[in-house]
Amino acid sequence: MDVSFHEMVMQVSALSFTGSVARIADWPCPVVANAADQPCQWWFMATEARSPRSSQDLPEIIATHAQSLEVSHKRFKLRKRLLSETYALVPETTGGGTDYSMDVKPRTNSKMPFMFLFEGKSVVGSVRRPMDSATFEIKLGNTENKAQGEEWRFMHRTGRKEGTWTVPSSDTGGMKEFAWEGTIDVATDGISPGLSRPGYKLVDVSNDESDEALAVFTPTKGLSKSGVLQLNVNWREEFERMVILTFMCVYDRISTQATDAIGRGAAGGF
C-alpha cells in the first residue's frame, strides 16, 4: 500500500475564512437497521485562508503514516448515563492520557454553542447549529475567548448525505478529506467485528488507494450510551480533538434520533 501521501500539515488555529468552499465530498454514516439501505451523508465545507501567512504565523503539525504505526493505539471509553447531559471520554491507553468530556445542552440559540468539549475543566472545542438547519459549526479552542479559538468550520446535511471534514495537506497543497463511515467489518482492538454491533470508522477519502481505518468506534451493550473510540494514528492533539468533535456530532445526532423514535413509538406513533 502506498502511504507516501500521509505527510500532513494541520494549520488549525491560524486559519481564517472567506466562505469559499475548498471541497465537498461524501461522508457515509452507519446504517442502524438495514445494511442494504442507502446511507445518509453529511457535508463538511472547509474554507480557504483569507491571506497568505508566514511559517511563523501558522502552527504546523506534521505527521507521517510510518510514524503513526509505531505508536500504540490510543483508546477512549465513551459513556453517557441515562438522563445525563455529559459524555465522558476516559483514556484506556497504557500510561494514561487526556480525560475529555462532552457536554450537550438544549439548543435554544442559533449563535450559541450547545456542545462543549472539555479537557478537565477547560473548554477546548465547541459546536453550534442554527435553528431549523442541519448545519453543524465546529470550532477548536475556547469559544468564550476569540483570541484562543479558530474560525467556525461548517458541516451540513443535504438530502440523505453525510460530509467530510478537511485539513490542509503539505503533500498536495490542497485539502485532505476524512470521513466517518458505518462499518461492520472493523472494530477496536480485542473485539471481533462479527460479534460486535455496527460501529464507525474514520477513513481518508482523498486517497483512493487506501481504506485504512484511522480511527474506530465500537459500541458496547448497556443502558448507557457507551463504546470505545480508538485512534489508530498519532497526528497530535488538534487532530485528536477534531476526531472527537466530528464523531460526537454524528453520534449524538443519531443516538438522539433513535431515543426520540423509541419515545414516539411508546406514545403511540411517529
C-alpha atoms as a PDB file:
ATOM      1  CA  MET A   1       0.000   0.000   0.000  1.00  0.00           C
ATOM      2  CA  ASP A   2       1.361   3.408  -0.978  1.00  0.00           C
ATOM      3  CA  VAL A   3       1.450   5.629   2.095  1.00  0.00           C
ATOM      4  CA  SER A   4       3.721   8.429   0.881  1.00  0.00           C
ATOM      5  CA  PHE A   5       0.877  10.963   0.852  1.00  0.00           C
ATOM      6  CA  HIS A   6       0.340  10.729   4.579  1.00  0.00           C
ATOM      7  CA  GLU A   7       2.646  13.591   5.476  1.00  0.00           C
ATOM      8  CA  MET A   8       0.183  16.236   6.549  1.00  0.00           C
ATOM      9  CA  VAL A   9       0.234  19.781   7.812  1.00  0.00           C
ATOM     10  CA  MET A  10      -2.659  20.866  10.008  1.00  0.00           C
ATOM     11  CA  GLN A  11      -2.998  24.640  10.067  1.00  0.00           C
ATOM     12  CA  VAL A  12      -5.572  24.816  12.786  1.00  0.00           C
ATOM     13  CA  SER A  13      -5.732  27.947  14.910  1.00  0.00           C
ATOM     14  CA  ALA A  14      -4.262  30.256  12.258  1.00  0.00           C
ATOM     15  CA  LEU A  15      -6.868  29.605   9.569  1.00  0.00           C
ATOM     16  CA  SER A  16      -9.151  32.461   8.567  1.00  0.00           C
ATOM     17  CA  PHE A  17     -12.145  32.083   6.299  1.00  0.00           C
ATOM     18  CA  THR A  18     -13.838  33.783   3.363  1.00  0.00           C
ATOM     19  CA  GLY A  19     -16.787  31.495   2.766  1.00  0.00           C
ATOM     20  CA  SER A  20     -15.404  29.989  -0.439  1.00  0.00           C
ATOM     21  CA  VAL A  21     -15.668  26.214  -0.491  1.00  0.00           C
ATOM     22  CA  ALA A  22     -12.405  24.318  -0.739  1.00  0.00           C
ATOM     23  CA  ARG A  23     -14.045  20.976  -1.453  1.00  0.00           C
ATOM     24  CA  ILE A  24     -17.197  18.990  -0.762  1.00  0.00           C
ATOM     25  CA  ALA A  25     -17.302  15.200  -0.602  1.00  0.00           C
ATOM     26  CA  ASP A  26     -19.383  12.316   0.703  1.00  0.00           C
ATOM     27  CA  TRP A  27     -19.371  11.047   4.273  1.00  0.00           C
ATOM     28  CA  PRO A  28     -21.435   7.825   4.624  1.00  0.00           C
ATOM     29  CA  CYS A  29     -22.933   7.290   8.052  1.00  0.00           C
ATOM     30  CA  PRO A  30     -23.750   3.967   9.741  1.00  0.00           C
ATOM     31  CA  VAL A  31     -26.926   2.142   8.916  1.00  0.00           C
ATOM     32  CA  VAL A  32     -28.744   1.022  12.042  1.00  0.00           C
ATOM     33  CA  ALA A  33     -31.471  -1.322  10.837  1.00  0.00           C
ATOM     34  CA  ASN A  34     -30.659  -2.470   7.332  1.00  0.00           C
ATOM     35  CA  ALA A  35     -27.139  -2.510   5.934  1.00  0.00           C
ATOM     36  CA  ALA A  36     -28.573  -2.561   2.418  1.00  0.00           C
ATOM     37  CA  ASP A  37     -30.210   0.857   2.864  1.00  0.00           C
ATOM     38  CA  GLN A  38     -28.656   3.869   1.198  1.00  0.00           C
ATOM     39  CA  PRO A  39     -26.622   5.780   3.804  1.00  0.00           C
ATOM     40  CA  CYS A  40     -27.265   9.415   4.532  1.00  0.00           C
ATOM     41  CA  GLN A  41     -24.386  11.832   4.220  1.00  0.00           C
ATOM     42  CA  TRP A  42     -23.036  14.926   5.913  1.00  0.00           C
ATOM     43  CA  TRP A  43     -21.007  17.545   4.103  1.00  0.00           C
ATOM     44  CA  PHE A  44     -18.237  19.466   5.780  1.00  0.00           C
ATOM     45  CA  MET A  45     -17.095  22.631   3.995  1.00  0.00           C
ATOM     46  CA  ALA A  46     -13.566  23.835   4.744  1.00  0.00           C
ATOM     47  CA  THR A  47     -12.952  27.352   3.509  1.00  0.00           C
ATOM     48  CA  GLU A  48      -9.728  28.786   2.194  1.00  0.00           C
ATOM     49  CA  ALA A  49      -7.427  31.099   4.117  1.00  0.00           C
ATOM     50  CA  ARG A  50      -8.110  34.809   3.564  1.00  0.00           C
ATOM     51  CA  SER A  51      -4.467  35.761   3.036  1.00  0.00           C
ATOM     52  CA  PRO A  52      -1.062  34.051   2.959  1.00  0.00           C
ATOM     53  CA  ARG A  53       0.627  33.595   6.321  1.00  0.00           C
ATOM     54  CA  SER A  54       4.288  33.134   7.099  1.00  0.00           C
ATOM     55  CA  SER A  55       5.520  29.838   8.513  1.00  0.00           C
ATOM     56  CA  GLN A  56       5.953  31.574  11.854  1.00  0.00           C
ATOM     57  CA  ASP A  57       2.273  32.520  11.936  1.00  0.00           C
ATOM     58  CA  LEU A  58       0.948  29.085  11.035  1.00  0.00           C
ATOM     59  CA  PRO A  59       1.244  26.402  13.713  1.00  0.00           C
ATOM     60  CA  GLU A  60       2.148  23.257  11.787  1.00  0.00           C
ATOM     61  CA  ILE A  61       1.561  19.693  12.838  1.00  0.00           C
ATOM     62  CA  ILE A  62       3.426  17.264  10.617  1.00  0.00           C
ATOM     63  CA  ALA A  63       2.921  13.515  10.885  1.00  0.00           C
ATOM     64  CA  THR A  64       3.682  10.621   8.545  1.00  0.00           C
ATOM     65  CA  HIS A  65       1.842   7.359   8.227  1.00  0.00           C
ATOM     66  CA  ALA A  66       5.015   5.418   9.003  1.00  0.00           C
ATOM     67  CA  GLN A  67       5.452   7.304  12.261  1.00  0.00           C
ATOM     68  CA  SER A  68       1.860   6.666  13.262  1.00  0.00           C
ATOM     69  CA  LEU A  69       2.290   2.903  13.002  1.00  0.00           C
ATOM     70  CA  GLU A  70       4.970   2.994  15.687  1.00  0.00           C
ATOM     71  CA  VAL A  71       2.623   4.463  18.306  1.00  0.00           C
ATOM     72  CA  SER A  72       0.275   2.394  20.461  1.00  0.00           C
ATOM     73  CA  HIS A  73      -3.385   2.882  19.658  1.00  0.00           C
ATOM     74  CA  LYS A  74      -4.988   5.497  21.885  1.00  0.00           C
ATOM     75  CA  ARG A  75      -8.383   4.442  23.206  1.00  0.00           C
ATOM     76  CA  PHE A  76     -11.157   6.339  24.968  1.00  0.00           C
ATOM     77  CA  LYS A  77     -14.037   4.690  26.771  1.00  0.00           C
ATOM     78  CA  LEU A  78     -17.159   6.667  25.873  1.00  0.00           C
ATOM     79  CA  ARG A  79     -20.060   6.663  28.307  1.00  0.00           C
ATOM     80  CA  LYS A  80     -23.248   8.658  28.799  1.00  0.00           C
ATOM     81  CA  ARG A  81     -25.625   7.611  31.530  1.00  0.00           C
ATOM     82  CA  LEU A  82     -29.389   7.913  31.244  1.00  0.00           C
ATOM     83  CA  LEU A  83     -30.718  11.450  31.811  1.00  0.00           C
ATOM     84  CA  SER A  84     -27.184  12.854  31.802  1.00  0.00           C
ATOM     85  CA  GLU A  85     -26.095  15.738  29.552  1.00  0.00           C
ATOM     86  CA  THR A  86     -22.430  14.724  29.634  1.00  0.00           C
ATOM     87  CA  TYR A  87     -20.449  12.160  27.678  1.00  0.00           C
ATOM     88  CA  ALA A  88     -17.269  11.037  29.447  1.00  0.00           C
ATOM     89  CA  LEU A  89     -14.246  10.012  27.352  1.00  0.00           C
ATOM     90  CA  VAL A  90     -11.797   8.256  29.671  1.00  0.00           C
ATOM     91  CA  PRO A  91      -8.428   7.098  28.267  1.00  0.00           C
ATOM     92  CA  GLU A  92      -7.803   3.356  28.297  1.00  0.00           C
ATOM     93  CA  THR A  93      -4.278   3.603  26.886  1.00  0.00           C
ATOM     94  CA  THR A  94      -1.447   2.210  29.000  1.00  0.00           C
ATOM     95  CA  GLY A  95       0.263   5.109  30.751  1.00  0.00           C
ATOM     96  CA  GLY A  96      -2.867   7.243  30.836  1.00  0.00           C
ATOM     97  CA  GLY A  97      -3.803  10.143  28.611  1.00  0.00           C
ATOM     98  CA  THR A  98      -6.116  13.123  28.363  1.00  0.00           C
ATOM     99  CA  ASP A  99      -9.518  12.903  30.037  1.00  0.00           C
ATOM    100  CA  TYR A 100     -12.162  14.543  27.870  1.00  0.00           C
ATOM    101  CA  SER A 101     -15.853  15.157  28.434  1.00  0.00           C
ATOM    102  CA  MET A 102     -18.566  16.428  26.096  1.00  0.00           C
ATOM    103  CA  ASP A 103     -21.478  18.446  27.456  1.00  0.00           C
ATOM    104  CA  VAL A 104     -24.630  18.579  25.328  1.00  0.00           C
ATOM    105  CA  LYS A 105     -27.068  21.369  26.207  1.00  0.00           C
ATOM    106  CA  PRO A 106     -30.539  22.154  24.832  1.00  0.00           C
ATOM    107  CA  ARG A 107     -30.189  24.028  21.528  1.00  0.00           C
ATOM    108  CA  THR A 108     -32.018  27.331  22.082  1.00  0.00           C
ATOM    109  CA  ASN A 109     -29.925  29.888  20.167  1.00  0.00           C
ATOM    110  CA  SER A 110     -28.501  29.741  16.642  1.00  0.00           C
ATOM    111  CA  LYS A 111     -25.354  31.662  17.554  1.00  0.00           C
ATOM    112  CA  MET A 112     -24.560  29.977  20.856  1.00  0.00           C
ATOM    113  CA  PRO A 113     -22.740  26.614  21.113  1.00  0.00           C
ATOM    114  CA  PHE A 114     -24.701  23.728  22.572  1.00  0.00           C
ATOM    115  CA  MET A 115     -21.952  21.066  22.599  1.00  0.00           C
ATOM    116  CA  PHE A 116     -18.713  21.670  24.510  1.00  0.00           C
ATOM    117  CA  LEU A 117     -15.558  19.545  24.564  1.00  0.00           C
ATOM    118  CA  PHE A 118     -13.685  19.796  27.871  1.00  0.00           C
ATOM    119  CA  GLU A 119     -10.161  18.793  28.824  1.00  0.00           C
ATOM    120  CA  GLY A 120     -10.528  18.708  32.574  1.00  0.00           C
ATOM    121  CA  LYS A 121     -12.334  21.989  33.318  1.00  0.00           C
ATOM    122  CA  SER A 122     -11.091  23.841  30.217  1.00  0.00           C
ATOM    123  CA  VAL A 123     -13.165  24.196  27.040  1.00  0.00           C
ATOM    124  CA  VAL A 124     -11.070  23.050  24.064  1.00  0.00           C
ATOM    125  CA  GLY A 125     -13.761  22.847  21.387  1.00  0.00           C
ATOM    126  CA  SER A 126     -17.428  23.548  20.759  1.00  0.00           C
ATOM    127  CA  VAL A 127     -20.287  23.018  18.320  1.00  0.00           C
ATOM    128  CA  ARG A 128     -23.247  25.175  17.397  1.00  0.00           C
ATOM    129  CA  ARG A 129     -26.123  24.593  14.994  1.00  0.00           C
ATOM    130  CA  PRO A 130     -28.506  27.218  13.575  1.00  0.00           C
ATOM    131  CA  MET A 131     -32.175  26.704  14.358  1.00  0.00           C
ATOM    132  CA  ASP A 132     -34.181  24.952  11.612  1.00  0.00           C
ATOM    133  CA  SER A 133     -30.916  23.917   9.974  1.00  0.00           C
ATOM    134  CA  ALA A 134     -28.964  20.703   9.504  1.00  0.00           C
ATOM    135  CA  THR A 135     -25.672  22.600   9.644  1.00  0.00           C
ATOM    136  CA  PHE A 136     -23.121  21.926  12.370  1.00  0.00           C
ATOM    137  CA  GLU A 137     -20.496  24.603  13.029  1.00  0.00           C
ATOM    138  CA  ILE A 138     -17.345  23.364  14.775  1.00  0.00           C
ATOM    139  CA  LYS A 139     -14.573  25.319  16.476  1.00  0.00           C
ATOM    140  CA  LEU A 140     -11.373  24.340  18.262  1.00  0.00           C
ATOM    141  CA  GLY A 141     -10.219  26.376  21.256  1.00  0.00           C
ATOM    142  CA  ASN A 142     -12.086  28.333  23.910  1.00  0.00           C
ATOM    143  CA  THR A 143     -15.312  29.703  22.438  1.00  0.00           C
ATOM    144  CA  GLU A 144     -15.508  32.471  25.043  1.00  0.00           C
ATOM    145  CA  ASN A 145     -12.035  33.764  24.185  1.00  0.00           C
ATOM    146  CA  LYS A 146     -11.892  34.691  20.470  1.00  0.00           C
ATOM    147  CA  ALA A 147      -8.099  35.057  20.586  1.00  0.00           C
ATOM    148  CA  GLN A 148      -7.754  31.390  21.569  1.00  0.00           C
ATOM    149  CA  GLY A 149     -10.215  29.931  19.082  1.00  0.00           C
ATOM    150  CA  GLU A 150     -10.094  29.478  15.327  1.00  0.00           C
ATOM    151  CA  GLU A 151     -12.901  30.405  12.968  1.00  0.00           C
ATOM    152  CA  TRP A 152     -16.020  28.257  12.776  1.00  0.00           C
ATOM    153  CA  ARG A 153     -15.996  25.385  10.281  1.00  0.00           C
ATOM    154  CA  PHE A 154     -19.195  24.112   8.716  1.00  0.00           C
ATOM    155  CA  MET A 155     -20.600  20.605   8.411  1.00  0.00           C
ATOM    156  CA  HIS A 156     -24.030  20.482   6.806  1.00  0.00           C
ATOM    157  CA  ARG A 157     -26.528  17.954   5.579  1.00  0.00           C
ATOM    158  CA  THR A 158     -28.171  17.835   2.150  1.00  0.00           C
ATOM    159  CA  GLY A 159     -30.835  15.231   1.494  1.00  0.00           C
ATOM    160  CA  ARG A 160     -29.613  11.797   2.505  1.00  0.00           C
ATOM    161  CA  LYS A 161     -25.930  12.694   2.541  1.00  0.00           C
ATOM    162  CA  GLU A 162     -23.114  12.961   5.106  1.00  0.00           C
ATOM    163  CA  GLY A 163     -19.958  15.042   4.602  1.00  0.00           C
ATOM    164  CA  THR A 164     -16.237  15.127   5.217  1.00  0.00           C
ATOM    165  CA  TRP A 165     -14.096  17.347   7.376  1.00  0.00           C
ATOM    166  CA  THR A 166     -10.801  18.565   5.993  1.00  0.00           C
ATOM    167  CA  VAL A 167      -7.278  19.756   6.872  1.00  0.00           C
ATOM    168  CA  PRO A 168      -4.560  21.308   4.673  1.00  0.00           C
ATOM    169  CA  SER A 169      -2.058  18.865   3.139  1.00  0.00           C
ATOM    170  CA  SER A 170       1.611  19.602   2.512  1.00  0.00           C
ATOM    171  CA  ASP A 171       1.706  16.696   0.039  1.00  0.00           C
ATOM    172  CA  THR A 172      -0.749  18.120  -2.490  1.00  0.00           C
ATOM    173  CA  GLY A 173      -1.039  21.755  -1.455  1.00  0.00           C
ATOM    174  CA  GLY A 174      -4.797  21.201  -1.195  1.00  0.00           C
ATOM    175  CA  MET A 175      -7.081  19.770   1.447  1.00  0.00           C
ATOM    176  CA  LYS A 176      -7.093  16.293   2.965  1.00  0.00           C
ATOM    177  CA  GLU A 177     -10.569  14.865   3.473  1.00  0.00           C
ATOM    178  CA  PHE A 178     -11.633  12.450   6.187  1.00  0.00           C
ATOM    179  CA  ALA A 179     -14.958  10.653   6.534  1.00  0.00           C
ATOM    180  CA  TRP A 180     -16.793   8.745   9.242  1.00  0.00           C
ATOM    181  CA  GLU A 181     -18.357   5.615   7.751  1.00  0.00           C
ATOM    182  CA  GLY A 182     -20.611   2.985   9.216  1.00  0.00           C
ATOM    183  CA  THR A 183     -18.849  -0.383   9.444  1.00  0.00           C
ATOM    184  CA  ILE A 184     -19.452  -3.982  10.402  1.00  0.00           C
ATOM    185  CA  ASP A 185     -16.014  -5.116   9.214  1.00  0.00           C
ATOM    186  CA  VAL A 186     -13.742  -3.173  11.594  1.00  0.00           C
ATOM    187  CA  ALA A 187     -13.734  -2.970  15.393  1.00  0.00           C
ATOM    188  CA  THR A 188     -11.472  -1.741  18.171  1.00  0.00           C
ATOM    189  CA  ASP A 189      -8.563  -3.917  19.311  1.00  0.00           C
ATOM    190  CA  GLY A 190      -9.623  -7.099  21.080  1.00  0.00           C
ATOM    191  CA  ILE A 191     -13.147  -7.110  19.627  1.00  0.00           C
ATOM    192  CA  SER A 192     -14.229  -9.380  16.790  1.00  0.00           C
ATOM    193  CA  PRO A 193     -16.101  -7.301  14.175  1.00  0.00           C
ATOM    194  CA  GLY A 194     -18.560 -10.107  13.563  1.00  0.00           C
ATOM    195  CA  LEU A 195     -19.514 -10.241  17.249  1.00  0.00           C
ATOM    196  CA  SER A 196     -19.966  -6.514  17.838  1.00  0.00           C
ATOM    197  CA  ARG A 197     -22.739  -4.098  16.959  1.00  0.00           C
ATOM    198  CA  PRO A 198     -22.308  -1.890  13.853  1.00  0.00           C
ATOM    199  CA  GLY A 199     -19.754   0.829  14.518  1.00  0.00           C
ATOM    200  CA  TYR A 200     -17.882   3.631  12.795  1.00  0.00           C
ATOM    201  CA  LYS A 201     -14.513   4.051  11.124  1.00  0.00           C
ATOM    202  CA  LEU A 202     -12.610   7.160  10.020  1.00  0.00           C
ATOM    203  CA  VAL A 203     -11.013   6.945   6.569  1.00  0.00           C
ATOM    204  CA  ASP A 204      -9.037   9.242   4.285  1.00  0.00           C
ATOM    205  CA  VAL A 205     -11.406   9.676   1.338  1.00  0.00           C
ATOM    206  CA  SER A 206      -8.870  11.760  -0.601  1.00  0.00           C
ATOM    207  CA  ASN A 207      -6.748   8.617  -1.084  1.00  0.00           C
ATOM    208  CA  ASP A 208      -8.482   6.159  -3.413  1.00  0.00           C
ATOM    209  CA  GLU A 209      -5.781   3.533  -2.864  1.00  0.00           C
ATOM    210  CA  SER A 210      -6.291   3.124   0.871  1.00  0.00           C
ATOM    211  CA  ASP A 211      -9.231   2.165   3.061  1.00  0.00           C
ATOM    212  CA  GLU A 212      -7.190   2.147   6.270  1.00  0.00           C
ATOM    213  CA  ALA A 213      -9.227   2.931   9.398  1.00  0.00           C
ATOM    214  CA  LEU A 214      -7.552   5.953  11.017  1.00  0.00           C
ATOM    215  CA  ALA A 215      -9.960   5.742  13.953  1.00  0.00           C
ATOM    216  CA  VAL A 216     -12.640   3.259  15.008  1.00  0.00           C
ATOM    217  CA  PHE A 217     -15.642   3.382  17.326  1.00  0.00           C
ATOM    218  CA  THR A 218     -17.211   0.154  18.582  1.00  0.00           C
ATOM    219  CA  PRO A 219     -20.401   0.457  20.671  1.00  0.00           C
ATOM    220  CA  THR A 220     -20.963  -1.695  23.734  1.00  0.00           C
ATOM    221  CA  LYS A 221     -24.174  -3.068  25.171  1.00  0.00           C
ATOM    222  CA  GLY A 222     -25.781  -1.479  28.206  1.00  0.00           C
ATOM    223  CA  LEU A 223     -28.355   1.010  29.412  1.00  0.00           C
ATOM    224  CA  SER A 224     -25.966   3.910  28.939  1.00  0.00           C
ATOM    225  CA  LYS A 225     -24.790   5.180  25.567  1.00  0.00           C
ATOM    226  CA  SER A 226     -21.292   3.754  25.534  1.00  0.00           C
ATOM    227  CA  GLY A 227     -18.468   2.309  23.491  1.00  0.00           C
ATOM    228  CA  VAL A 228     -14.753   2.611  22.748  1.00  0.00           C
ATOM    229  CA  LEU A 229     -13.233   5.231  20.439  1.00  0.00           C
ATOM    230  CA  GLN A 230      -9.780   4.181  19.207  1.00  0.00           C
ATOM    231  CA  LEU A 231      -7.278   6.349  17.305  1.00  0.00           C
ATOM    232  CA  ASN A 232      -5.035   4.236  15.075  1.00  0.00           C
ATOM    233  CA  VAL A 233      -2.759   7.169  14.174  1.00  0.00           C
ATOM    234  CA  ASN A 234      -0.939   9.745  16.273  1.00  0.00           C
ATOM    235  CA  TRP A 235      -1.391  13.061  14.479  1.00  0.00           C
ATOM    236  CA  ARG A 236      -1.153  15.281  17.530  1.00  0.00           C
ATOM    237  CA  GLU A 237      -3.611  16.998  19.823  1.00  0.00           C
ATOM    238  CA  GLU A 238      -5.540  19.195  17.373  1.00  0.00           C
ATOM    239  CA  PHE A 239      -6.302  16.249  15.083  1.00  0.00           C
ATOM    240  CA  GLU A 240      -7.364  14.179  18.102  1.00  0.00           C
ATOM    241  CA  ARG A 241      -9.833  16.856  19.179  1.00  0.00           C
ATOM    242  CA  MET A 242     -11.254  17.234  15.674  1.00  0.00           C
ATOM    243  CA  VAL A 243     -11.776  13.458  15.553  1.00  0.00           C
ATOM    244  CA  ILE A 244     -13.725  13.613  18.822  1.00  0.00           C
ATOM    245  CA  LEU A 245     -15.764  16.696  17.885  1.00  0.00           C
ATOM    246  CA  THR A 246     -16.782  15.463  14.428  1.00  0.00           C
ATOM    247  CA  PHE A 247     -17.568  11.979  15.713  1.00  0.00           C
ATOM    248  CA  MET A 248     -19.691  13.301  18.577  1.00  0.00           C
ATOM    249  CA  CYS A 249     -21.745  15.468  16.187  1.00  0.00           C
ATOM    250  CA  VAL A 250     -22.741  12.386  14.206  1.00  0.00           C
ATOM    251  CA  TYR A 251     -23.028  10.009  17.184  1.00  0.00           C
ATOM    252  CA  ASP A 252     -25.152  12.270  19.383  1.00  0.00           C
ATOM    253  CA  ARG A 253     -27.458  13.142  16.475  1.00  0.00           C
ATOM    254  CA  ILE A 254     -28.094   9.503  15.585  1.00  0.00           C
ATOM    255  CA  SER A 255     -28.410   8.461  19.253  1.00  0.00           C
ATOM    256  CA  THR A 256     -30.878  11.277  19.947  1.00  0.00           C
ATOM    257  CA  GLN A 257     -32.961  10.396  16.888  1.00  0.00           C
ATOM    258  CA  ALA A 258     -33.083   6.740  17.975  1.00  0.00           C
ATOM    259  CA  THR A 259     -34.144   7.710  21.522  1.00  0.00           C
ATOM    260  CA  ASP A 260     -36.820  10.095  20.213  1.00  0.00           C
ATOM    261  CA  ALA A 261     -38.161   7.407  17.877  1.00  0.00           C
ATOM    262  CA  ILE A 262     -38.492   4.952  20.778  1.00  0.00           C
ATOM    263  CA  GLY A 263     -40.344   7.590  22.784  1.00  0.00           C
ATOM    264  CA  ARG A 264     -42.728   8.411  19.936  1.00  0.00           C
ATOM    265  CA  GLY A 265     -43.371   4.725  19.353  1.00  0.00           C
ATOM    266  CA  ALA A 266     -44.199   4.180  23.019  1.00  0.00           C
ATOM    267  CA  ALA A 267     -46.585   7.141  22.837  1.00  0.00           C
ATOM    268  CA  GLY A 268     -48.493   5.509  20.004  1.00  0.00           C
ATOM    269  CA  GLY A 269     -46.948   6.692  16.772  1.00  0.00           C
ATOM    270  CA  PHE A 270     -44.444   8.925  14.960  1.00  0.00           C
END
